[in-house]
Amino acid sequence: MTLRAVLHSRILLVLGVAISIVVPVLTLPRLPHVTLWPVALGLAPWVVGKYVLCPLRWRALTDAGLSRAWHLRAYAESELLGLLTPGHVGADVWRIHRLGRTGLGRGDAVLSVGMDRFVGAVALAAFVGFAATALPMRMLLGALALGVALVVAVLVLRRVRPDLMPSRPLPRPRQLVHALVLSTGYQLSIAGLLLGTIAATGHAVSPLAVLGAFGASQLAGAIPGPNGASPRDGALVLALVALGVPWAAATAAVALKAAVAWLPALALGGVSLVLTRRALRRTAVPAPA
């Protein structure tokens, strides 16, 4: 089924919204006693980082003449679809699809999303470098591998499908620096959310240690899984336990982090997705003779 068919399927859309509501409703009551105000304090900057800084980073690397509002909406929609798919793969597929609908070539759309992922990985590795010394080298190698994969993909496409080659140049150094600065702000917001969810369980961890734990969990991100129950989430629990957080509190903090992620995804991405679906339906209806 194509993304267009998914968007026009009322059953799938209602099912996705239902899942977005059911996950936090079922998860939150099963957590140990938590104090919600630290979660709210951590959630607020994370929402800004995820739904403002990340779309602006993507826009800085795309340079397609699209408005900030367009990127904010498309990114919010992609986040909701990403939470509904293992490994968050639906997010990237949706962003490529949305860029394609604006008239951007497939190669340029893939390059845009690929560069955004690459810059995000490099920024994460550099940021976690403040918390650990051995870990960032492994993460930088992962980011380097991603960059090499992008180059190889471009070389293969040039020979096999030249029609899919990007027609636009790679981002300029100034664009990359701009994107890295925005990504650094996003990493700070992640640390804030993690500190908030840990504090909600009545425990405290050094911010630098939290960054190291989060960076370690990203190494398990190559194995896909559902949000809140993926190998990455399990690795984060283990990393927090290694820092001295009790098992129950570490599990609660990670589950809480995964659960609250649905709330802005539903409020921002869900509403935008419904509006986009209606707009597509209007354009699909032929004008009367």
C-alpha atoms as a PDB file:
ATOM      1  CA  MET A   1       0.000   0.000   0.000  1.00  0.00           C
ATOM      2  CA  THR A   2       1.409   3.392  -0.974  1.00  0.00           C
ATOM      3  CA  LEU A   3       1.676   6.347   1.386  1.00  0.00           C
ATOM      4  CA  ARG A   4      -1.019   8.111  -0.600  1.00  0.00           C
ATOM      5  CA  ALA A   5      -3.335   5.145  -0.039  1.00  0.00           C
ATOM      6  CA  VAL A   6      -2.505   5.187   3.677  1.00  0.00           C
ATOM      7  CA  LEU A   7      -3.268   8.891   3.861  1.00  0.00           C
ATOM      8  CA  HIS A   8      -6.648   8.373   2.164  1.00  0.00           C
ATOM      9  CA  SER A   9      -7.529   5.355   4.314  1.00  0.00           C
ATOM     10  CA  ARG A  10      -9.850   6.518   7.076  1.00  0.00           C
ATOM     11  CA  ILE A  11      -9.508   3.184   8.893  1.00  0.00           C
ATOM     12  CA  LEU A  12      -5.714   3.391   9.049  1.00  0.00           C
ATOM     13  CA  LEU A  13      -5.790   7.034  10.076  1.00  0.00           C
ATOM     14  CA  VAL A  14      -8.258   6.349  12.905  1.00  0.00           C
ATOM     15  CA  LEU A  15      -6.210   3.302  13.943  1.00  0.00           C
ATOM     16  CA  GLY A  16      -3.036   5.395  14.100  1.00  0.00           C
ATOM     17  CA  VAL A  17      -4.695   8.070  16.228  1.00  0.00           C
ATOM     18  CA  ALA A  18      -6.161   5.369  18.503  1.00  0.00           C
ATOM     19  CA  ILE A  19      -2.739   3.816  19.018  1.00  0.00           C
ATOM     20  CA  SER A  20      -1.325   7.245  19.835  1.00  0.00           C
ATOM     21  CA  ILE A  21      -3.907   7.617  22.588  1.00  0.00           C
ATOM     22  CA  VAL A  22      -3.875   4.032  23.892  1.00  0.00           C
ATOM     23  CA  VAL A  23      -0.092   3.760  24.356  1.00  0.00           C
ATOM     24  CA  PRO A  24       0.272   6.512  26.991  1.00  0.00           C
ATOM     25  CA  VAL A  25      -3.067   5.633  28.598  1.00  0.00           C
ATOM     26  CA  LEU A  26      -1.988   2.017  29.137  1.00  0.00           C
ATOM     27  CA  THR A  27       1.631   2.792  29.989  1.00  0.00           C
ATOM     28  CA  LEU A  28       1.378   5.621  32.496  1.00  0.00           C
ATOM     29  CA  PRO A  29      -0.860   3.841  35.079  1.00  0.00           C
ATOM     30  CA  ARG A  30       1.566   0.894  35.200  1.00  0.00           C
ATOM     31  CA  LEU A  31       4.577   3.011  36.139  1.00  0.00           C
ATOM     32  CA  PRO A  32       5.780   3.230  39.748  1.00  0.00           C
ATOM     33  CA  HIS A  33       4.816   6.352  41.628  1.00  0.00           C
ATOM     34  CA  VAL A  34       6.169   9.355  39.784  1.00  0.00           C
ATOM     35  CA  THR A  35       5.980  13.112  40.180  1.00  0.00           C
ATOM     36  CA  LEU A  36       4.717  14.639  36.974  1.00  0.00           C
ATOM     37  CA  TRP A  37       6.031  18.192  37.255  1.00  0.00           C
ATOM     38  CA  PRO A  38       9.677  17.238  36.459  1.00  0.00           C
ATOM     39  CA  VAL A  39       8.373  15.466  33.345  1.00  0.00           C
ATOM     40  CA  ALA A  40       6.529  18.607  32.275  1.00  0.00           C
ATOM     41  CA  LEU A  41       9.659  20.706  32.815  1.00  0.00           C
ATOM     42  CA  GLY A  42      11.700  18.309  30.701  1.00  0.00           C
ATOM     43  CA  LEU A  43       9.020  17.860  28.052  1.00  0.00           C
ATOM     44  CA  ALA A  44       8.652  21.566  27.244  1.00  0.00           C
ATOM     45  CA  PRO A  45      12.215  22.131  25.905  1.00  0.00           C
ATOM     46  CA  TRP A  46      12.177  18.738  24.195  1.00  0.00           C
ATOM     47  CA  VAL A  47       9.055  19.669  22.229  1.00  0.00           C
ATOM     48  CA  VAL A  48      10.828  22.832  21.082  1.00  0.00           C
ATOM     49  CA  GLY A  49      13.916  20.831  20.152  1.00  0.00           C
ATOM     50  CA  LYS A  50      12.070  18.060  18.334  1.00  0.00           C
ATOM     51  CA  TYR A  51       9.347  20.049  16.597  1.00  0.00           C
ATOM     52  CA  VAL A  52      11.111  23.376  15.986  1.00  0.00           C
ATOM     53  CA  LEU A  53      14.898  22.944  15.937  1.00  0.00           C
ATOM     54  CA  CYS A  54      14.876  19.640  14.030  1.00  0.00           C
ATOM     55  CA  PRO A  55      12.583  20.921  11.238  1.00  0.00           C
ATOM     56  CA  LEU A  56      14.724  24.061  10.955  1.00  0.00           C
ATOM     57  CA  ARG A  57      17.834  21.878  10.705  1.00  0.00           C
ATOM     58  CA  TRP A  58      16.190  19.899   7.931  1.00  0.00           C
ATOM     59  CA  ARG A  59      15.239  23.133   6.146  1.00  0.00           C
ATOM     60  CA  ALA A  60      18.791  24.468   6.431  1.00  0.00           C
ATOM     61  CA  LEU A  61      20.089  21.364   4.661  1.00  0.00           C
ATOM     62  CA  THR A  62      17.342  21.196   2.030  1.00  0.00           C
ATOM     63  CA  ASP A  63      17.437  24.702   0.528  1.00  0.00           C
ATOM     64  CA  ALA A  64      14.362  24.034  -1.598  1.00  0.00           C
ATOM     65  CA  GLY A  65      12.649  27.383  -1.082  1.00  0.00           C
ATOM     66  CA  LEU A  66       9.971  25.894   1.180  1.00  0.00           C
ATOM     67  CA  SER A  67       8.675  27.895   4.126  1.00  0.00           C
ATOM     68  CA  ARG A  68       9.479  27.228   7.767  1.00  0.00           C
ATOM     69  CA  ALA A  69       5.815  26.439   8.368  1.00  0.00           C
ATOM     70  CA  TRP A  70       5.904  23.762   5.667  1.00  0.00           C
ATOM     71  CA  HIS A  71       8.895  22.076   7.285  1.00  0.00           C
ATOM     72  CA  LEU A  72       7.346  22.310  10.749  1.00  0.00           C
ATOM     73  CA  ARG A  73       4.165  20.605   9.563  1.00  0.00           C
ATOM     74  CA  ALA A  74       5.859  17.950   7.439  1.00  0.00           C
ATOM     75  CA  TYR A  75       8.265  17.070  10.240  1.00  0.00           C
ATOM     76  CA  ALA A  76       5.481  16.831  12.826  1.00  0.00           C
ATOM     77  CA  GLU A  77       3.525  14.508  10.528  1.00  0.00           C
ATOM     78  CA  SER A  78       6.609  12.366   9.967  1.00  0.00           C
ATOM     79  CA  GLU A  79       7.196  12.016  13.712  1.00  0.00           C
ATOM     80  CA  LEU A  80       3.735  10.575  14.266  1.00  0.00           C
ATOM     81  CA  LEU A  81       4.205   8.104  11.414  1.00  0.00           C
ATOM     82  CA  GLY A  82       7.671   7.312  12.741  1.00  0.00           C
ATOM     83  CA  LEU A  83       6.281   6.364  16.146  1.00  0.00           C
ATOM     84  CA  LEU A  84       3.841   4.025  14.414  1.00  0.00           C
ATOM     85  CA  THR A  85       6.593   2.160  12.509  1.00  0.00           C
ATOM     86  CA  PRO A  86       9.522   0.047  13.789  1.00  0.00           C
ATOM     87  CA  GLY A  87      12.848   1.829  13.698  1.00  0.00           C
ATOM     88  CA  HIS A  88      11.101   5.140  13.006  1.00  0.00           C
ATOM     89  CA  VAL A  89      11.444   4.388   9.281  1.00  0.00           C
ATOM     90  CA  GLY A  90       8.047   5.850   8.466  1.00  0.00           C
ATOM     91  CA  ALA A  91       9.320   9.317   9.371  1.00  0.00           C
ATOM     92  CA  ASP A  92      11.984   9.395   6.656  1.00  0.00           C
ATOM     93  CA  VAL A  93       9.710   7.819   4.044  1.00  0.00           C
ATOM     94  CA  TRP A  94       7.043  10.416   4.753  1.00  0.00           C
ATOM     95  CA  ARG A  95       9.473  13.327   4.537  1.00  0.00           C
ATOM     96  CA  ILE A  96      10.731  12.094   1.177  1.00  0.00           C
ATOM     97  CA  HIS A  97       7.142  11.724   0.026  1.00  0.00           C
ATOM     98  CA  ARG A  98       6.220  15.235   1.158  1.00  0.00           C
ATOM     99  CA  LEU A  99       9.236  16.747  -0.596  1.00  0.00           C
ATOM    100  CA  GLY A 100       8.320  14.868  -3.745  1.00  0.00           C
ATOM    101  CA  ARG A 101       4.833  16.383  -3.735  1.00  0.00           C
ATOM    102  CA  THR A 102       6.362  19.858  -3.872  1.00  0.00           C
ATOM    103  CA  GLY A 103       8.046  19.004  -7.174  1.00  0.00           C
ATOM    104  CA  LEU A 104      11.463  18.200  -5.749  1.00  0.00           C
ATOM    105  CA  GLY A 105      13.179  15.306  -7.530  1.00  0.00           C
ATOM    106  CA  ARG A 106      13.410  11.952  -5.809  1.00  0.00           C
ATOM    107  CA  GLY A 107      17.200  12.124  -5.678  1.00  0.00           C
ATOM    108  CA  ASP A 108      17.122  15.582  -4.106  1.00  0.00           C
ATOM    109  CA  ALA A 109      14.509  14.471  -1.566  1.00  0.00           C
ATOM    110  CA  VAL A 110      16.559  11.433  -0.546  1.00  0.00           C
ATOM    111  CA  LEU A 111      19.679  13.579  -0.285  1.00  0.00           C
ATOM    112  CA  SER A 112      17.835  16.094   1.890  1.00  0.00           C
ATOM    113  CA  VAL A 113      16.625  13.522   4.419  1.00  0.00           C
ATOM    114  CA  GLY A 114      19.905  11.574   4.290  1.00  0.00           C
ATOM    115  CA  MET A 115      21.973  14.675   5.023  1.00  0.00           C
ATOM    116  CA  ASP A 116      19.646  15.565   7.874  1.00  0.00           C
ATOM    117  CA  ARG A 117      20.169  12.131   9.418  1.00  0.00           C
ATOM    118  CA  PHE A 118      23.921  12.325   8.841  1.00  0.00           C
ATOM    119  CA  VAL A 119      24.299  15.750  10.475  1.00  0.00           C
ATOM    120  CA  GLY A 120      22.134  14.599  13.392  1.00  0.00           C
ATOM    121  CA  ALA A 121      24.387  11.578  13.941  1.00  0.00           C
ATOM    122  CA  VAL A 122      27.564  13.671  13.818  1.00  0.00           C
ATOM    123  CA  ALA A 123      26.128  16.237  16.229  1.00  0.00           C
ATOM    124  CA  LEU A 124      25.058  13.510  18.664  1.00  0.00           C
ATOM    125  CA  ALA A 125      28.516  11.927  18.622  1.00  0.00           C
ATOM    126  CA  ALA A 126      30.218  15.290  19.151  1.00  0.00           C
ATOM    127  CA  PHE A 127      27.812  16.285  21.906  1.00  0.00           C
ATOM    128  CA  VAL A 128      28.178  13.019  23.803  1.00  0.00           C
ATOM    129  CA  GLY A 129      31.933  13.570  23.580  1.00  0.00           C
ATOM    130  CA  PHE A 130      31.582  15.921  26.542  1.00  0.00           C
ATOM    131  CA  ALA A 131      30.394  12.988  28.650  1.00  0.00           C
ATOM    132  CA  ALA A 132      32.656  10.143  27.524  1.00  0.00           C
ATOM    133  CA  THR A 133      35.891   9.556  25.649  1.00  0.00           C
ATOM    134  CA  ALA A 134      35.625   6.062  24.154  1.00  0.00           C
ATOM    135  CA  LEU A 135      31.946   6.174  23.235  1.00  0.00           C
ATOM    136  CA  PRO A 136      32.048   9.098  20.758  1.00  0.00           C
ATOM    137  CA  MET A 137      34.700   7.334  18.640  1.00  0.00           C
ATOM    138  CA  ARG A 138      32.313   4.413  18.110  1.00  0.00           C
ATOM    139  CA  MET A 139      29.482   6.817  17.379  1.00  0.00           C
ATOM    140  CA  LEU A 140      31.635   8.871  15.022  1.00  0.00           C
ATOM    141  CA  LEU A 141      32.528   5.666  13.203  1.00  0.00           C
ATOM    142  CA  GLY A 142      28.809   4.963  12.885  1.00  0.00           C
ATOM    143  CA  ALA A 143      28.207   8.453  11.507  1.00  0.00           C
ATOM    144  CA  LEU A 144      31.154   8.010   9.153  1.00  0.00           C
ATOM    145  CA  ALA A 145      29.708   4.702   7.977  1.00  0.00           C
ATOM    146  CA  LEU A 146      26.428   6.471   7.276  1.00  0.00           C
ATOM    147  CA  GLY A 147      28.257   9.106   5.258  1.00  0.00           C
ATOM    148  CA  VAL A 148      30.124   6.439   3.291  1.00  0.00           C
ATOM    149  CA  ALA A 149      26.841   4.640   2.636  1.00  0.00           C
ATOM    150  CA  LEU A 150      25.381   7.872   1.227  1.00  0.00           C
ATOM    151  CA  VAL A 151      28.374   8.323  -1.069  1.00  0.00           C
ATOM    152  CA  VAL A 152      28.190   4.706  -2.255  1.00  0.00           C
ATOM    153  CA  ALA A 153      24.457   5.047  -2.865  1.00  0.00           C
ATOM    154  CA  VAL A 154      25.067   8.148  -4.981  1.00  0.00           C
ATOM    155  CA  LEU A 155      27.754   6.359  -7.032  1.00  0.00           C
ATOM    156  CA  VAL A 156      25.499   3.347  -7.578  1.00  0.00           C
ATOM    157  CA  LEU A 157      22.561   5.521  -8.611  1.00  0.00           C
ATOM    158  CA  ARG A 158      24.775   7.428 -11.030  1.00  0.00           C
ATOM    159  CA  ARG A 159      25.438   4.196 -12.902  1.00  0.00           C
ATOM    160  CA  VAL A 160      22.129   2.341 -12.444  1.00  0.00           C
ATOM    161  CA  ARG A 161      19.484   5.082 -12.247  1.00  0.00           C
ATOM    162  CA  PRO A 162      20.956   8.424 -13.349  1.00  0.00           C
ATOM    163  CA  ASP A 163      17.412   9.849 -13.414  1.00  0.00           C
ATOM    164  CA  LEU A 164      17.322   9.552  -9.607  1.00  0.00           C
ATOM    165  CA  MET A 165      20.531  11.523  -9.099  1.00  0.00           C
ATOM    166  CA  PRO A 166      20.279  14.747  -7.086  1.00  0.00           C
ATOM    167  CA  SER A 167      20.219  17.817  -9.259  1.00  0.00           C
ATOM    168  CA  ARG A 168      21.155  20.173  -6.431  1.00  0.00           C
ATOM    169  CA  PRO A 169      24.644  20.565  -4.935  1.00  0.00           C
ATOM    170  CA  LEU A 170      25.560  19.286  -1.502  1.00  0.00           C
ATOM    171  CA  PRO A 171      24.957  21.671   1.424  1.00  0.00           C
ATOM    172  CA  ARG A 172      27.596  24.375   1.766  1.00  0.00           C
ATOM    173  CA  PRO A 173      29.838  24.537   4.868  1.00  0.00           C
ATOM    174  CA  ARG A 174      27.783  27.431   6.230  1.00  0.00           C
ATOM    175  CA  GLN A 175      24.621  25.341   5.962  1.00  0.00           C
ATOM    176  CA  LEU A 176      26.305  22.424   7.723  1.00  0.00           C
ATOM    177  CA  VAL A 177      27.470  24.626  10.590  1.00  0.00           C
ATOM    178  CA  HIS A 178      23.971  26.097  10.933  1.00  0.00           C
ATOM    179  CA  ALA A 179      22.482  22.595  11.018  1.00  0.00           C
ATOM    180  CA  LEU A 180      25.022  21.400  13.596  1.00  0.00           C
ATOM    181  CA  VAL A 181      24.208  24.320  15.899  1.00  0.00           C
ATOM    182  CA  LEU A 182      20.489  23.535  15.680  1.00  0.00           C
ATOM    183  CA  SER A 183      21.200  19.865  16.317  1.00  0.00           C
ATOM    184  CA  THR A 184      23.232  20.748  19.411  1.00  0.00           C
ATOM    185  CA  GLY A 185      20.199  22.552  20.792  1.00  0.00           C
ATOM    186  CA  TYR A 186      18.132  19.446  20.146  1.00  0.00           C
ATOM    187  CA  GLN A 187      20.629  17.250  22.021  1.00  0.00           C
ATOM    188  CA  LEU A 188      20.345  19.594  25.011  1.00  0.00           C
ATOM    189  CA  SER A 189      16.576  19.188  24.924  1.00  0.00           C
ATOM    190  CA  ILE A 190      16.929  15.383  24.937  1.00  0.00           C
ATOM    191  CA  ALA A 191      19.104  15.606  28.026  1.00  0.00           C
ATOM    192  CA  GLY A 192      16.479  17.814  29.637  1.00  0.00           C
ATOM    193  CA  LEU A 193      13.702  15.304  28.960  1.00  0.00           C
ATOM    194  CA  LEU A 194      15.758  12.400  30.307  1.00  0.00           C
ATOM    195  CA  LEU A 195      16.695  14.339  33.431  1.00  0.00           C
ATOM    196  CA  GLY A 196      13.025  15.193  33.910  1.00  0.00           C
ATOM    197  CA  THR A 197      11.813  11.605  33.627  1.00  0.00           C
ATOM    198  CA  ILE A 198      14.570  10.368  35.965  1.00  0.00           C
ATOM    199  CA  ALA A 199      13.779  13.111  38.481  1.00  0.00           C
ATOM    200  CA  ALA A 200      10.115  12.101  38.278  1.00  0.00           C
ATOM    201  CA  THR A 201      11.064   8.748  39.822  1.00  0.00           C
ATOM    202  CA  GLY A 202      12.824  10.464  42.729  1.00  0.00           C
ATOM    203  CA  HIS A 203      16.395   9.947  41.496  1.00  0.00           C
ATOM    204  CA  ALA A 204      19.094  12.237  40.139  1.00  0.00           C
ATOM    205  CA  VAL A 205      21.911  11.634  37.656  1.00  0.00           C
ATOM    206  CA  SER A 206      24.628  13.934  36.372  1.00  0.00           C
ATOM    207  CA  PRO A 207      23.617  15.627  33.094  1.00  0.00           C
ATOM    208  CA  LEU A 208      26.885  14.526  31.480  1.00  0.00           C
ATOM    209  CA  ALA A 209      26.281  10.954  32.622  1.00  0.00           C
ATOM    210  CA  VAL A 210      22.780  11.104  31.136  1.00  0.00           C
ATOM    211  CA  LEU A 211      24.249  12.185  27.808  1.00  0.00           C
ATOM    212  CA  GLY A 212      26.686   9.298  27.937  1.00  0.00           C
ATOM    213  CA  ALA A 213      23.868   6.846  28.709  1.00  0.00           C
ATOM    214  CA  PHE A 214      21.758   8.204  25.870  1.00  0.00           C
ATOM    215  CA  GLY A 215      24.680   7.997  23.461  1.00  0.00           C
ATOM    216  CA  ALA A 216      25.349   4.407  24.474  1.00  0.00           C
ATOM    217  CA  SER A 217      21.713   3.504  23.815  1.00  0.00           C
ATOM    218  CA  GLN A 218      21.955   4.855  20.272  1.00  0.00           C
ATOM    219  CA  LEU A 219      24.430   2.102  19.402  1.00  0.00           C
ATOM    220  CA  ALA A 220      21.525  -0.350  19.645  1.00  0.00           C
ATOM    221  CA  GLY A 221      19.417   1.738  17.266  1.00  0.00           C
ATOM    222  CA  ALA A 222      20.436  -0.349  14.268  1.00  0.00           C
ATOM    223  CA  ILE A 223      17.979  -3.020  15.423  1.00  0.00           C
ATOM    224  CA  PRO A 224      14.432  -1.742  14.806  1.00  0.00           C
ATOM    225  CA  GLY A 225      11.653  -2.017  17.310  1.00  0.00           C
ATOM    226  CA  PRO A 226       8.485  -0.252  18.442  1.00  0.00           C
ATOM    227  CA  ASN A 227       8.735   2.989  20.355  1.00  0.00           C
ATOM    228  CA  GLY A 228       9.115   2.257  24.057  1.00  0.00           C
ATOM    229  CA  ALA A 229      10.030  -1.413  23.539  1.00  0.00           C
ATOM    230  CA  SER A 230      12.967  -1.250  21.147  1.00  0.00           C
ATOM    231  CA  PRO A 231      16.549  -2.454  21.739  1.00  0.00           C
ATOM    232  CA  ARG A 232      17.499   1.224  21.992  1.00  0.00           C
ATOM    233  CA  ASP A 233      15.095   1.682  24.915  1.00  0.00           C
ATOM    234  CA  GLY A 234      16.399  -1.476  26.570  1.00  0.00           C
ATOM    235  CA  ALA A 235      19.972  -0.263  26.166  1.00  0.00           C
ATOM    236  CA  LEU A 236      19.036   3.049  27.762  1.00  0.00           C
ATOM    237  CA  VAL A 237      17.569   1.218  30.773  1.00  0.00           C
ATOM    238  CA  LEU A 238      20.792  -0.786  31.154  1.00  0.00           C
ATOM    239  CA  ALA A 239      22.897   2.362  30.851  1.00  0.00           C
ATOM    240  CA  LEU A 240      20.883   4.127  33.571  1.00  0.00           C
ATOM    241  CA  VAL A 241      21.167   1.081  35.839  1.00  0.00           C
ATOM    242  CA  ALA A 242      24.928   1.159  35.313  1.00  0.00           C
ATOM    243  CA  LEU A 243      24.861   4.754  36.562  1.00  0.00           C
ATOM    244  CA  GLY A 244      23.244   3.634  39.814  1.00  0.00           C
ATOM    245  CA  VAL A 245      19.557   4.159  39.013  1.00  0.00           C
ATOM    246  CA  PRO A 246      17.468   1.237  40.375  1.00  0.00           C
ATOM    247  CA  TRP A 247      15.921  -1.112  37.823  1.00  0.00           C
ATOM    248  CA  ALA A 248      12.357  -0.054  38.558  1.00  0.00           C
ATOM    249  CA  ALA A 249      13.203   3.643  38.345  1.00  0.00           C
ATOM    250  CA  ALA A 250      15.264   3.243  35.153  1.00  0.00           C
ATOM    251  CA  THR A 251      12.484   1.272  33.485  1.00  0.00           C
ATOM    252  CA  ALA A 252       9.914   3.812  34.600  1.00  0.00           C
ATOM    253  CA  ALA A 253      11.989   6.738  33.336  1.00  0.00           C
ATOM    254  CA  VAL A 254      12.485   5.206  29.882  1.00  0.00           C
ATOM    255  CA  ALA A 255       8.837   4.109  29.648  1.00  0.00           C
ATOM    256  CA  LEU A 256       7.728   7.589  30.681  1.00  0.00           C
ATOM    257  CA  LYS A 257      10.006   9.167  28.068  1.00  0.00           C
ATOM    258  CA  ALA A 258       8.513   6.921  25.375  1.00  0.00           C
ATOM    259  CA  ALA A 259       4.939   7.509  26.511  1.00  0.00           C
ATOM    260  CA  VAL A 260       5.045  11.307  26.643  1.00  0.00           C
ATOM    261  CA  ALA A 261       6.548  11.396  23.131  1.00  0.00           C
ATOM    262  CA  TRP A 262       3.115  10.409  21.815  1.00  0.00           C
ATOM    263  CA  LEU A 263       1.416  13.469  23.253  1.00  0.00           C
ATOM    264  CA  PRO A 264       3.027  16.183  21.061  1.00  0.00           C
ATOM    265  CA  ALA A 265       3.104  13.755  18.130  1.00  0.00           C
ATOM    266  CA  LEU A 266      -0.648  13.392  18.348  1.00  0.00           C
ATOM    267  CA  ALA A 267      -1.343  17.063  19.079  1.00  0.00           C
ATOM    268  CA  LEU A 268       0.957  18.459  16.378  1.00  0.00           C
ATOM    269  CA  GLY A 269       1.551  15.695  13.857  1.00  0.00           C
ATOM    270  CA  GLY A 270      -1.911  14.167  14.121  1.00  0.00           C
ATOM    271  CA  VAL A 271      -3.739  17.432  13.527  1.00  0.00           C
ATOM    272  CA  SER A 272      -1.442  18.380  10.661  1.00  0.00           C
ATOM    273  CA  LEU A 273      -1.826  14.918   9.127  1.00  0.00           C
ATOM    274  CA  VAL A 274      -5.604  15.203   9.191  1.00  0.00           C
ATOM    275  CA  LEU A 275      -5.428  18.641   7.532  1.00  0.00           C
ATOM    276  CA  THR A 276      -3.008  17.327   4.906  1.00  0.00           C
ATOM    277  CA  ARG A 277      -5.291  14.384   4.220  1.00  0.00           C
ATOM    278  CA  ARG A 278      -8.227  16.726   3.668  1.00  0.00           C
ATOM    279  CA  ALA A 279      -6.169  18.906   1.354  1.00  0.00           C
ATOM    280  CA  LEU A 280      -5.133  15.898  -0.712  1.00  0.00           C
ATOM    281  CA  ARG A 281      -8.730  14.737  -0.952  1.00  0.00           C
ATOM    282  CA  ARG A 282      -9.780  18.162  -2.234  1.00  0.00           C
ATOM    283  CA  THR A 283      -7.066  18.148  -4.889  1.00  0.00           C
ATOM    284  CA  ALA A 284      -8.000  14.598  -5.885  1.00  0.00           C
ATOM    285  CA  VAL A 285     -11.612  15.574  -6.592  1.00  0.00           C
ATOM    286  CA  PRO A 286     -11.965  16.625 -10.276  1.00  0.00           C
ATOM    287  CA  ALA A 287     -13.379  20.067 -10.904  1.00  0.00           C
ATOM    288  CA  PRO A 288     -16.973  20.121 -12.211  1.00  0.00           C
ATOM    289  CA  ALA A 289     -17.394  20.569 -15.946  1.00  0.00           C
END
